[in-house]
């Protein structure tokens, strides 16, 4: 997650790129370049489907999945789920913190994402750059759903994240899953637009 943050801080979007899927697609390409420049050979997959092992039906899609180098198999990986926050639409302003939790974090807890693995990541795109407000809303939404999120430990929400200690809008949440304890590293970032960037 540290390199994700470092890469994002040097990254700008074309002003017309507003949809979550397009933001993530453009950022994936920038991440690959950053990993290569840093001498890392992690393989990064965009929108990797997650299917039911019995019926073959699609249960969801991982926004970003990182596979470590020299790992002969696809059982070890790190998933990052991306969500927009503070979105303004034709019907008005939406904080989207509820969807960040129910359509993102909850899927890790339910084992739909990163089943059998000890950790994962959540990346929140704060569309209006009000990071403190968005972080407070996400934190409140998580705490209101402690039971559903299986946050049984007293210190199940810790900010900043243990892997992003210099970034105040980060956190770790710890969840008691049936296949073992799960830690999710959360990172909220602002949006930097560049009108000169190539459109996507």
Protein backbone atom coordinates (compact mmCIF):
# COMPACT_ATOMS: atom_id res chain seq x y z
CA UNK A 1 0.00 0.00 0.00
CA UNK A 2 2.95 2.34 0.55
CA UNK A 3 3.88 2.27 -3.13
CA UNK A 4 0.21 2.67 -4.05
CA UNK A 5 0.15 5.92 -2.04
CA UNK A 6 3.50 7.10 -3.38
CA UNK A 7 2.38 6.46 -6.95
CA UNK A 8 -0.98 8.17 -6.42
CA UNK A 9 0.66 11.30 -5.02
CA UNK A 10 2.54 11.78 -8.31
CA UNK A 11 -0.50 10.90 -10.42
CA UNK A 12 -3.07 13.15 -12.08
CA UNK A 13 -6.22 12.31 -14.02
CA UNK A 14 -7.64 13.90 -17.12
CA UNK A 15 -10.48 16.18 -16.01
CA UNK A 16 -13.05 14.06 -17.91
CA UNK A 17 -12.17 10.84 -16.06
CA UNK A 18 -14.76 10.59 -13.28
CA UNK A 19 -16.05 7.01 -13.24
CA UNK A 20 -14.59 4.56 -10.74
CA UNK A 21 -13.74 1.90 -13.31
CA UNK A 22 -11.91 4.36 -15.56
CA UNK A 23 -9.97 5.91 -12.68
CA UNK A 24 -8.83 2.45 -11.59
CA UNK A 25 -7.93 1.39 -15.14
CA UNK A 26 -5.73 4.45 -15.70
CA UNK A 27 -4.16 4.11 -12.26
CA UNK A 28 -3.40 0.41 -12.86
CA UNK A 29 -1.24 1.34 -15.86
CA UNK A 30 0.60 3.97 -13.82
CA UNK A 31 1.12 1.45 -11.00
CA UNK A 32 2.66 -1.07 -13.39
CA UNK A 33 5.11 1.57 -14.61
CA UNK A 34 5.95 2.54 -11.02
CA UNK A 35 6.52 -1.07 -9.98
CA UNK A 36 8.79 -1.62 -12.99
CA UNK A 37 10.75 1.56 -12.23
CA UNK A 38 11.19 0.41 -8.64
CA UNK A 39 12.57 -2.94 -9.80
CA UNK A 40 9.54 -4.89 -8.62
CA UNK A 41 8.09 -7.59 -10.83
CA UNK A 42 4.65 -7.91 -9.26
CA UNK A 43 1.93 -8.76 -11.75
CA UNK A 44 -1.11 -6.47 -11.47
CA UNK A 45 -4.51 -7.60 -12.77
CA UNK A 46 -7.48 -5.27 -13.31
CA UNK A 47 -11.10 -6.33 -12.70
CA UNK A 48 -10.33 -9.97 -11.95
CA UNK A 49 -13.62 -11.92 -11.57
CA UNK A 50 -14.35 -13.92 -8.41
CA UNK A 51 -16.54 -16.97 -9.02
CA UNK A 52 -18.44 -19.42 -6.85
CA UNK A 53 -16.32 -22.62 -6.73
CA UNK A 54 -19.40 -24.86 -6.93
CA UNK A 55 -21.71 -23.16 -9.41
CA UNK A 56 -19.27 -21.01 -11.38
CA UNK A 57 -21.39 -17.90 -10.97
CA UNK A 58 -19.65 -14.55 -10.66
CA UNK A 59 -19.75 -13.19 -7.09
CA UNK A 60 -17.84 -10.01 -7.78
CA UNK A 61 -14.71 -8.52 -9.30
CA UNK A 62 -11.46 -7.51 -7.62
CA UNK A 63 -10.57 -4.01 -8.78
CA UNK A 64 -6.81 -4.55 -8.45
CA UNK A 65 -5.07 -7.83 -7.69
CA UNK A 66 -1.31 -7.97 -7.08
CA UNK A 67 0.57 -11.25 -7.59
CA UNK A 68 4.08 -11.48 -6.11
CA UNK A 69 7.08 -12.38 -8.29
CA UNK A 70 8.36 -15.94 -8.59
CA UNK A 71 5.18 -17.40 -7.15
CA UNK A 72 4.23 -20.41 -9.23
CA UNK A 73 0.48 -20.39 -8.78
CA UNK A 74 -2.35 -17.96 -8.17
CA UNK A 75 -3.25 -18.66 -4.56
CA UNK A 76 -1.19 -15.87 -2.99
CA UNK A 77 -2.09 -12.31 -3.92
CA UNK A 78 -3.08 -8.93 -2.51
CA UNK A 79 -6.44 -7.47 -3.47
CA UNK A 80 -7.29 -3.77 -3.45
CA UNK A 81 -10.95 -2.79 -3.79
CA UNK A 82 -11.55 0.78 -5.01
CA UNK A 83 -14.56 2.99 -4.24
CA UNK A 84 -15.49 6.59 -4.94
CA UNK A 85 -16.45 8.86 -2.04
CA UNK A 86 -18.06 12.32 -1.96
CA UNK A 87 -19.65 12.03 -5.39
CA UNK A 88 -21.84 14.74 -6.93
CA UNK A 89 -24.41 13.50 -9.46
CA UNK A 90 -27.43 14.98 -11.18
CA UNK A 91 -29.47 14.15 -8.09
CA UNK A 92 -27.04 15.86 -5.72
CA UNK A 93 -24.20 15.02 -3.33
CA UNK A 94 -23.66 11.45 -2.08
CA UNK A 95 -21.04 10.59 0.55
CA UNK A 96 -20.96 6.91 -0.56
CA UNK A 97 -19.38 5.78 2.74
CA UNK A 98 -22.19 3.25 3.10
CA UNK A 99 -21.30 1.66 -0.25
CA UNK A 100 -17.61 1.73 0.64
CA UNK A 101 -18.50 -0.55 3.56
CA UNK A 102 -21.36 -2.69 2.23
CA UNK A 103 -20.08 -3.16 -1.35
CA UNK A 104 -16.38 -3.16 -0.54
CA UNK A 105 -15.23 -3.98 2.97
CA UNK A 106 -18.10 -6.37 3.70
CA UNK A 107 -17.14 -8.52 0.71
CA UNK A 108 -13.72 -9.14 2.24
CA UNK A 109 -15.34 -10.04 5.56
CA UNK A 110 -17.81 -12.42 3.89
CA UNK A 111 -14.94 -14.22 2.14
CA UNK A 112 -15.92 -13.13 -1.37
CA UNK A 113 -12.55 -11.38 -1.68
CA UNK A 114 -9.18 -12.66 -0.43
CA UNK A 115 -10.59 -15.91 0.97
CA UNK A 116 -8.02 -17.67 3.14
CA UNK A 117 -5.60 -14.74 3.01
CA UNK A 118 -4.55 -12.58 5.97
CA UNK A 119 -4.93 -9.11 4.45
CA UNK A 120 -6.34 -6.91 1.72
CA UNK A 121 -6.74 -3.24 0.87
CA UNK A 122 -9.42 -0.59 0.34
CA UNK A 123 -8.68 2.53 -1.72
CA UNK A 124 -11.15 5.42 -1.51
CA UNK A 125 -11.16 8.09 -4.23
CA UNK A 126 -12.40 11.30 -2.55
CA UNK A 127 -13.82 13.13 -5.53
CA UNK A 128 -14.09 16.58 -3.92
CA UNK A 129 -10.79 16.31 -1.98
CA UNK A 130 -12.50 16.77 1.40
CA UNK A 131 -10.38 13.99 2.85
CA UNK A 132 -10.98 14.66 6.54
CA UNK A 133 -14.77 14.69 6.10
CA UNK A 134 -14.71 11.53 3.99
CA UNK A 135 -12.44 9.71 6.44
CA UNK A 136 -14.67 10.66 9.38
CA UNK A 137 -17.74 9.40 7.53
CA UNK A 138 -16.10 6.10 6.59
CA UNK A 139 -14.88 5.63 10.15
CA UNK A 140 -18.38 6.29 11.50
CA UNK A 141 -19.95 3.89 9.00
CA UNK A 142 -17.49 1.12 9.91
CA UNK A 143 -18.03 1.58 13.64
CA UNK A 144 -21.81 1.51 13.17
CA UNK A 145 -21.49 -1.90 11.48
CA UNK A 146 -19.00 -3.54 13.84
CA UNK A 147 -21.18 -6.63 14.33
CA UNK A 148 -21.73 -7.31 10.62
CA UNK A 149 -18.04 -6.65 9.99
CA UNK A 150 -17.05 -9.10 12.76
CA UNK A 151 -14.87 -6.57 14.52
CA UNK A 152 -14.64 -8.36 17.85
CA UNK A 153 -11.36 -6.90 19.11
CA UNK A 154 -11.43 -3.68 21.11
CA UNK A 155 -8.71 -2.24 18.86
CA UNK A 156 -10.32 -3.48 15.63
CA UNK A 157 -10.10 0.02 14.10
CA UNK A 158 -6.64 1.61 14.16
CA UNK A 159 -5.59 4.87 12.52
CA UNK A 160 -3.28 5.55 10.87
CA UNK A 161 -2.58 2.25 9.15
CA UNK A 162 0.43 0.25 10.33
CA UNK A 163 1.75 0.28 6.75
CA UNK A 164 0.97 3.97 6.08
CA UNK A 165 1.86 5.66 9.34
CA UNK A 166 2.71 9.01 7.72
CA UNK A 167 -0.71 9.28 6.06
CA UNK A 168 -3.45 10.46 8.47
CA UNK A 169 -6.32 9.33 6.21
CA UNK A 170 -5.42 5.68 6.50
CA UNK A 171 -6.48 2.93 8.88
CA UNK A 172 -6.40 -0.78 9.59
CA UNK A 173 -9.50 -2.80 10.44
CA UNK A 174 -9.32 -6.30 11.91
CA UNK A 175 -12.06 -8.86 11.27
CA UNK A 176 -12.73 -12.33 12.70
CA UNK A 177 -13.34 -14.46 9.61
CA UNK A 178 -14.02 -18.18 9.68
CA UNK A 179 -10.74 -18.89 7.86
CA UNK A 180 -8.65 -16.71 10.19
CA UNK A 181 -8.16 -13.13 11.25
CA UNK A 182 -8.27 -10.62 8.40
CA UNK A 183 -6.63 -7.18 8.33
CA UNK A 184 -7.74 -4.59 5.79
CA UNK A 185 -5.51 -1.60 5.09
CA UNK A 186 -7.59 1.48 4.19
CA UNK A 187 -6.30 4.46 2.23
CA UNK A 188 -8.25 7.57 1.20
CA UNK A 189 -6.79 9.83 -1.49
CA UNK A 190 -7.73 13.08 -3.18
CA UNK A 191 -8.12 13.65 -6.90
CA UNK A 192 -5.64 15.71 -8.89
CA UNK A 193 -6.86 16.64 -12.38
CA UNK A 194 -4.76 17.67 -15.34
CA UNK A 195 -6.51 19.04 -18.41
CA UNK A 196 -3.41 18.19 -20.44
CA UNK A 197 -3.51 14.48 -19.59
CA UNK A 198 -4.56 12.14 -22.39
CA UNK A 199 -8.27 11.36 -22.22
CA UNK A 200 -9.35 7.90 -21.11
